[in-house]
Amino acid sequence: MIDTRGALAVETLLKLVLVLVALLLVIEVVQAIVGTLIGILQPLLMLAVLVLIGLWLLDRL
């Protein structure tokens, strides 16, 4: 039986690490953009919920 543990080349491992780091950076950027959008839209969403609850209580909905 041939032992193939550790058969990955160093360049392959470096490429894999580079891809994972790039993926983490993309996730961080997307998270920052989504967080900003939610931060901007949060008061509007809260106002919409307040209006919907008010209309429901007044039987207008």
PDB file of N, CA and C in Angstrom:
ATOM      1  N   MET A   1       0.852  -1.182   0.000  1.00  0.00           N
ATOM      2  CA  MET A   1       0.000   0.000   0.000  1.00  0.00           C
ATOM      3  C   MET A   1       0.897   1.245   0.000  1.00  0.00           C
ATOM      4  N   ILE A   2       0.576   2.194  -0.857  1.00  0.00           N
ATOM      5  CA  ILE A   2       1.374   3.407  -0.983  1.00  0.00           C
ATOM      6  C   ILE A   2       0.847   4.460  -0.025  1.00  0.00           C
ATOM      7  N   ASP A   3       1.749   5.087   0.713  1.00  0.00           N
ATOM      8  CA  ASP A   3       1.367   6.151   1.643  1.00  0.00           C
ATOM      9  C   ASP A   3       1.335   7.478   0.889  1.00  0.00           C
ATOM     10  N   THR A   4       0.129   8.074   0.743  1.00  0.00           N
ATOM     11  CA  THR A   4       0.002   9.317  -0.027  1.00  0.00           C
ATOM     12  C   THR A   4      -0.274  10.517   0.875  1.00  0.00           C
ATOM     13  N   ARG A   5      -0.070  10.361   2.171  1.00  0.00           N
ATOM     14  CA  ARG A   5      -0.260  11.506   3.060  1.00  0.00           C
ATOM     15  C   ARG A   5       0.792  12.554   2.779  1.00  0.00           C
ATOM     16  N   GLY A   6       0.366  13.808   2.767  1.00  0.00           N
ATOM     17  CA  GLY A   6       1.309  14.891   2.541  1.00  0.00           C
ATOM     18  C   GLY A   6       1.770  14.984   1.102  1.00  0.00           C
ATOM     19  N   ALA A   7       0.972  14.455   0.168  1.00  0.00           N
ATOM     20  CA  ALA A   7       1.381  14.443  -1.224  1.00  0.00           C
ATOM     21  C   ALA A   7       1.083  15.766  -1.933  1.00  0.00           C
ATOM     22  N   LEU A   8       0.392  16.686  -1.291  1.00  0.00           N
ATOM     23  CA  LEU A   8       0.104  17.979  -1.912  1.00  0.00           C
ATOM     24  C   LEU A   8       1.366  18.813  -2.005  1.00  0.00           C
ATOM     25  N   ALA A   9       1.518  19.457  -3.127  1.00  0.00           N
ATOM     26  CA  ALA A   9       2.684  20.320  -3.320  1.00  0.00           C
ATOM     27  C   ALA A   9       2.492  21.614  -2.544  1.00  0.00           C
ATOM     28  N   VAL A  10       3.588  22.266  -2.231  1.00  0.00           N
ATOM     29  CA  VAL A  10       3.540  23.525  -1.480  1.00  0.00           C
ATOM     30  C   VAL A  10       2.784  24.580  -2.266  1.00  0.00           C
ATOM     31  N   GLU A  11       2.992  24.615  -3.589  1.00  0.00           N
ATOM     32  CA  GLU A  11       2.297  25.597  -4.417  1.00  0.00           C
ATOM     33  C   GLU A  11       0.788  25.384  -4.373  1.00  0.00           C
ATOM     34  N   THR A  12       0.348  24.141  -4.355  1.00  0.00           N
ATOM     35  CA  THR A  12      -1.078  23.839  -4.272  1.00  0.00           C
ATOM     36  C   THR A  12      -1.652  24.330  -2.942  1.00  0.00           C
ATOM     37  N   LEU A  13      -0.927  24.096  -1.874  1.00  0.00           N
ATOM     38  CA  LEU A  13      -1.379  24.560  -0.566  1.00  0.00           C
ATOM     39  C   LEU A  13      -1.442  26.084  -0.511  1.00  0.00           C
ATOM     40  N   LEU A  14      -0.448  26.754  -1.094  1.00  0.00           N
ATOM     41  CA  LEU A  14      -0.449  28.212  -1.118  1.00  0.00           C
ATOM     42  C   LEU A  14      -1.622  28.748  -1.933  1.00  0.00           C
ATOM     43  N   LYS A  15      -1.923  28.106  -3.060  1.00  0.00           N
ATOM     44  CA  LYS A  15      -3.084  28.517  -3.859  1.00  0.00           C
ATOM     45  C   LYS A  15      -4.367  28.329  -3.071  1.00  0.00           C
ATOM     46  N   LEU A  16      -4.475  27.237  -2.355  1.00  0.00           N
ATOM     47  CA  LEU A  16      -5.662  26.970  -1.546  1.00  0.00           C
ATOM     48  C   LEU A  16      -5.814  28.024  -0.452  1.00  0.00           C
ATOM     49  N   VAL A  17      -4.741  28.361   0.216  1.00  0.00           N
ATOM     50  CA  VAL A  17      -4.777  29.389   1.253  1.00  0.00           C
ATOM     51  C   VAL A  17      -5.137  30.741   0.646  1.00  0.00           C
ATOM     52  N   LEU A  18      -4.590  31.062  -0.513  1.00  0.00           N
ATOM     53  CA  LEU A  18      -4.897  32.322  -1.191  1.00  0.00           C
ATOM     54  C   LEU A  18      -6.377  32.404  -1.549  1.00  0.00           C
ATOM     55  N   VAL A  19      -6.946  31.325  -2.041  1.00  0.00           N
ATOM     56  CA  VAL A  19      -8.372  31.299  -2.372  1.00  0.00           C
ATOM     57  C   VAL A  19      -9.212  31.496  -1.117  1.00  0.00           C
ATOM     58  N   LEU A  20      -8.843  30.847  -0.029  1.00  0.00           N
ATOM     59  CA  LEU A  20      -9.601  30.985   1.213  1.00  0.00           C
ATOM     60  C   LEU A  20      -9.524  32.408   1.765  1.00  0.00           C
ATOM     61  N   VAL A  21      -8.360  33.028   1.690  1.00  0.00           N
ATOM     62  CA  VAL A  21      -8.209  34.415   2.149  1.00  0.00           C
ATOM     63  C   VAL A  21      -9.033  35.350   1.276  1.00  0.00           C
ATOM     64  N   ALA A  22      -9.010  35.144  -0.044  1.00  0.00           N
ATOM     65  CA  ALA A  22      -9.815  35.963  -0.951  1.00  0.00           C
ATOM     66  C   ALA A  22     -11.299  35.797  -0.649  1.00  0.00           C
ATOM     67  N   LEU A  23     -11.722  34.575  -0.365  1.00  0.00           N
ATOM     68  CA  LEU A  23     -13.123  34.323  -0.021  1.00  0.00           C
ATOM     69  C   LEU A  23     -13.508  35.039   1.269  1.00  0.00           C
ATOM     70  N   LEU A  24     -12.642  35.024   2.257  1.00  0.00           N
ATOM     71  CA  LEU A  24     -12.909  35.738   3.506  1.00  0.00           C
ATOM     72  C   LEU A  24     -13.015  37.244   3.277  1.00  0.00           C
ATOM     73  N   LEU A  25     -12.165  37.796   2.428  1.00  0.00           N
ATOM     74  CA  LEU A  25     -12.236  39.223   2.115  1.00  0.00           C
ATOM     75  C   LEU A  25     -13.543  39.577   1.415  1.00  0.00           C
ATOM     76  N   VAL A  26     -13.967  38.735   0.488  1.00  0.00           N
ATOM     77  CA  VAL A  26     -15.242  38.971  -0.199  1.00  0.00           C
ATOM     78  C   VAL A  26     -16.391  38.927   0.792  1.00  0.00           C
ATOM     79  N   ILE A  27     -16.371  37.980   1.698  1.00  0.00           N
ATOM     80  CA  ILE A  27     -17.427  37.879   2.716  1.00  0.00           C
ATOM     81  C   ILE A  27     -17.441  39.118   3.593  1.00  0.00           C
ATOM     82  N   GLU A  28     -16.275  39.616   3.979  1.00  0.00           N
ATOM     83  CA  GLU A  28     -16.196  40.823   4.807  1.00  0.00           C
ATOM     84  C   GLU A  28     -16.771  42.032   4.073  1.00  0.00           C
ATOM     85  N   VAL A  29     -16.445  42.177   2.788  1.00  0.00           N
ATOM     86  CA  VAL A  29     -16.948  43.307   2.007  1.00  0.00           C
ATOM     87  C   VAL A  29     -18.461  43.229   1.866  1.00  0.00           C
ATOM     88  N   VAL A  30     -18.977  42.053   1.545  1.00  0.00           N
ATOM     89  CA  VAL A  30     -20.428  41.886   1.406  1.00  0.00           C
ATOM     90  C   VAL A  30     -21.113  42.165   2.735  1.00  0.00           C
ATOM     91  N   GLN A  31     -20.539  41.697   3.821  1.00  0.00           N
ATOM     92  CA  GLN A  31     -21.121  41.931   5.140  1.00  0.00           C
ATOM     93  C   GLN A  31     -21.143  43.424   5.461  1.00  0.00           C
ATOM     94  N   ALA A  32     -20.096  44.147   5.105  1.00  0.00           N
ATOM     95  CA  ALA A  32     -20.049  45.591   5.354  1.00  0.00           C
ATOM     96  C   ALA A  32     -21.111  46.321   4.530  1.00  0.00           C
ATOM     97  N   ILE A  33     -21.270  45.929   3.271  1.00  0.00           N
ATOM     98  CA  ILE A  33     -22.273  46.565   2.409  1.00  0.00           C
ATOM     99  C   ILE A  33     -23.683  46.289   2.923  1.00  0.00           C
ATOM    100  N   VAL A  34     -23.957  45.044   3.257  1.00  0.00           N
ATOM    101  CA  VAL A  34     -25.289  44.691   3.765  1.00  0.00           C
ATOM    102  C   VAL A  34     -25.555  45.386   5.093  1.00  0.00           C
ATOM    103  N   GLY A  35     -24.548  45.463   5.950  1.00  0.00           N
ATOM    104  CA  GLY A  35     -24.708  46.147   7.233  1.00  0.00           C
ATOM    105  C   GLY A  35     -25.014  47.622   7.046  1.00  0.00           C
ATOM    106  N   THR A  36     -24.367  48.251   6.071  1.00  0.00           N
ATOM    107  CA  THR A  36     -24.629  49.658   5.793  1.00  0.00           C
ATOM    108  C   THR A  36     -26.042  49.854   5.272  1.00  0.00           C
ATOM    109  N   LEU A  37     -26.456  48.979   4.353  1.00  0.00           N
ATOM    110  CA  LEU A  37     -27.813  49.096   3.804  1.00  0.00           C
ATOM    111  C   LEU A  37     -28.867  48.900   4.885  1.00  0.00           C
ATOM    112  N   ILE A  38     -28.658  47.942   5.748  1.00  0.00           N
ATOM    113  CA  ILE A  38     -29.610  47.711   6.837  1.00  0.00           C
ATOM    114  C   ILE A  38     -29.607  48.897   7.787  1.00  0.00           C
ATOM    115  N   GLY A  39     -28.433  49.453   8.037  1.00  0.00           N
ATOM    116  CA  GLY A  39     -28.345  50.630   8.902  1.00  0.00           C
ATOM    117  C   GLY A  39     -29.107  51.808   8.344  1.00  0.00           C
ATOM    118  N   ILE A  40     -29.049  51.979   7.015  1.00  0.00           N
ATOM    119  CA  ILE A  40     -29.770  53.083   6.379  1.00  0.00           C
ATOM    120  C   ILE A  40     -31.270  52.798   6.339  1.00  0.00           C
ATOM    121  N   LEU A  41     -31.641  51.572   6.047  1.00  0.00           N
ATOM    122  CA  LEU A  41     -33.047  51.230   5.858  1.00  0.00           C
ATOM    123  C   LEU A  41     -33.780  50.881   7.153  1.00  0.00           C
ATOM    124  N   GLN A  42     -33.075  50.691   8.240  1.00  0.00           N
ATOM    125  CA  GLN A  42     -33.724  50.279   9.484  1.00  0.00           C
ATOM    126  C   GLN A  42     -34.797  51.248   9.951  1.00  0.00           C
ATOM    127  N   PRO A  43     -34.567  52.567   9.968  1.00  0.00           N
ATOM    128  CA  PRO A  43     -35.655  53.468  10.385  1.00  0.00           C
ATOM    129  C   PRO A  43     -36.870  53.386   9.468  1.00  0.00           C
ATOM    130  N   LEU A  44     -36.632  53.217   8.170  1.00  0.00           N
ATOM    131  CA  LEU A  44     -37.751  53.101   7.235  1.00  0.00           C
ATOM    132  C   LEU A  44     -38.538  51.806   7.466  1.00  0.00           C
ATOM    133  N   LEU A  45     -37.824  50.723   7.734  1.00  0.00           N
ATOM    134  CA  LEU A  45     -38.502  49.465   8.017  1.00  0.00           C
ATOM    135  C   LEU A  45     -39.299  49.549   9.314  1.00  0.00           C
ATOM    136  N   MET A  46     -38.740  50.193  10.315  1.00  0.00           N
ATOM    137  CA  MET A  46     -39.456  50.340  11.587  1.00  0.00           C
ATOM    138  C   MET A  46     -40.702  51.207  11.398  1.00  0.00           C
ATOM    139  N   LEU A  47     -40.590  52.263  10.597  1.00  0.00           N
ATOM    140  CA  LEU A  47     -41.738  53.115  10.312  1.00  0.00           C
ATOM    141  C   LEU A  47     -42.812  52.345   9.562  1.00  0.00           C
ATOM    142  N   ALA A  48     -42.418  51.511   8.603  1.00  0.00           N
ATOM    143  CA  ALA A  48     -43.380  50.702   7.855  1.00  0.00           C
ATOM    144  C   ALA A  48     -44.104  49.724   8.782  1.00  0.00           C
ATOM    145  N   VAL A  49     -43.374  49.104   9.694  1.00  0.00           N
ATOM    146  CA  VAL A  49     -44.010  48.181  10.653  1.00  0.00           C
ATOM    147  C   VAL A  49     -44.978  48.944  11.553  1.00  0.00           C
ATOM    148  N   LEU A  50     -44.577  50.122  12.003  1.00  0.00           N
ATOM    149  CA  LEU A  50     -45.447  50.948  12.849  1.00  0.00           C
ATOM    150  C   LEU A  50     -46.728  51.326  12.113  1.00  0.00           C
ATOM    151  N   VAL A  51     -46.605  51.713  10.844  1.00  0.00           N
ATOM    152  CA  VAL A  51     -47.778  52.068  10.053  1.00  0.00           C
ATOM    153  C   VAL A  51     -48.682  50.860   9.856  1.00  0.00           C
ATOM    154  N   LEU A  52     -48.101  49.708   9.553  1.00  0.00           N
ATOM    155  CA  LEU A  52     -48.915  48.497   9.377  1.00  0.00           C
ATOM    156  C   LEU A  52     -49.647  48.115  10.647  1.00  0.00           C
ATOM    157  N   ILE A  53     -48.991  48.209  11.793  1.00  0.00           N
ATOM    158  CA  ILE A  53     -49.655  47.894  13.069  1.00  0.00           C
ATOM    159  C   ILE A  53     -50.770  48.893  13.335  1.00  0.00           C
ATOM    160  N   GLY A  54     -50.512  50.187  13.068  1.00  0.00           N
ATOM    161  CA  GLY A  54     -51.548  51.199  13.255  1.00  0.00           C
ATOM    162  C   GLY A  54     -52.741  50.961  12.360  1.00  0.00           C
ATOM    163  N   LEU A  55     -52.512  50.644  11.098  1.00  0.00           N
ATOM    164  CA  LEU A  55     -53.621  50.372  10.177  1.00  0.00           C
ATOM    165  C   LEU A  55     -54.391  49.123  10.601  1.00  0.00           C
ATOM    166  N   TRP A  56     -53.647  48.119  11.099  1.00  0.00           N
ATOM    167  CA  TRP A  56     -54.328  46.907  11.554  1.00  0.00           C
ATOM    168  C   TRP A  56     -55.205  47.200  12.779  1.00  0.00           C
ATOM    169  N   LEU A  57     -54.703  48.007  13.706  1.00  0.00           N
ATOM    170  CA  LEU A  57     -55.480  48.348  14.891  1.00  0.00           C
ATOM    171  C   LEU A  57     -56.707  49.196  14.536  1.00  0.00           C
ATOM    172  N   LEU A  58     -56.632  50.004  13.507  1.00  0.00           N
ATOM    173  CA  LEU A  58     -57.752  50.853  13.097  1.00  0.00           C
ATOM    174  C   LEU A  58     -58.658  50.140  12.083  1.00  0.00           C
ATOM    175  N   ASP A  59     -58.432  48.865  11.847  1.00  0.00           N
ATOM    176  CA  ASP A  59     -59.197  48.063  10.891  1.00  0.00           C
ATOM    177  C   ASP A  59     -59.182  48.671   9.490  1.00  0.00           C
ATOM    178  N   ARG A  60     -58.104  49.250   9.104  1.00  0.00           N
ATOM    179  CA  ARG A  60     -57.954  49.785   7.743  1.00  0.00           C
ATOM    180  C   ARG A  60     -57.179  48.800   6.855  1.00  0.00           C
ATOM    181  N   LEU A  61     -56.687  47.755   7.426  1.00  0.00           N
ATOM    182  CA  LEU A  61     -55.873  46.801   6.684  1.00  0.00           C
ATOM    183  C   LEU A  61     -56.650  45.541   6.448  1.00  0.00           C
TER     184      LEU A  61
END
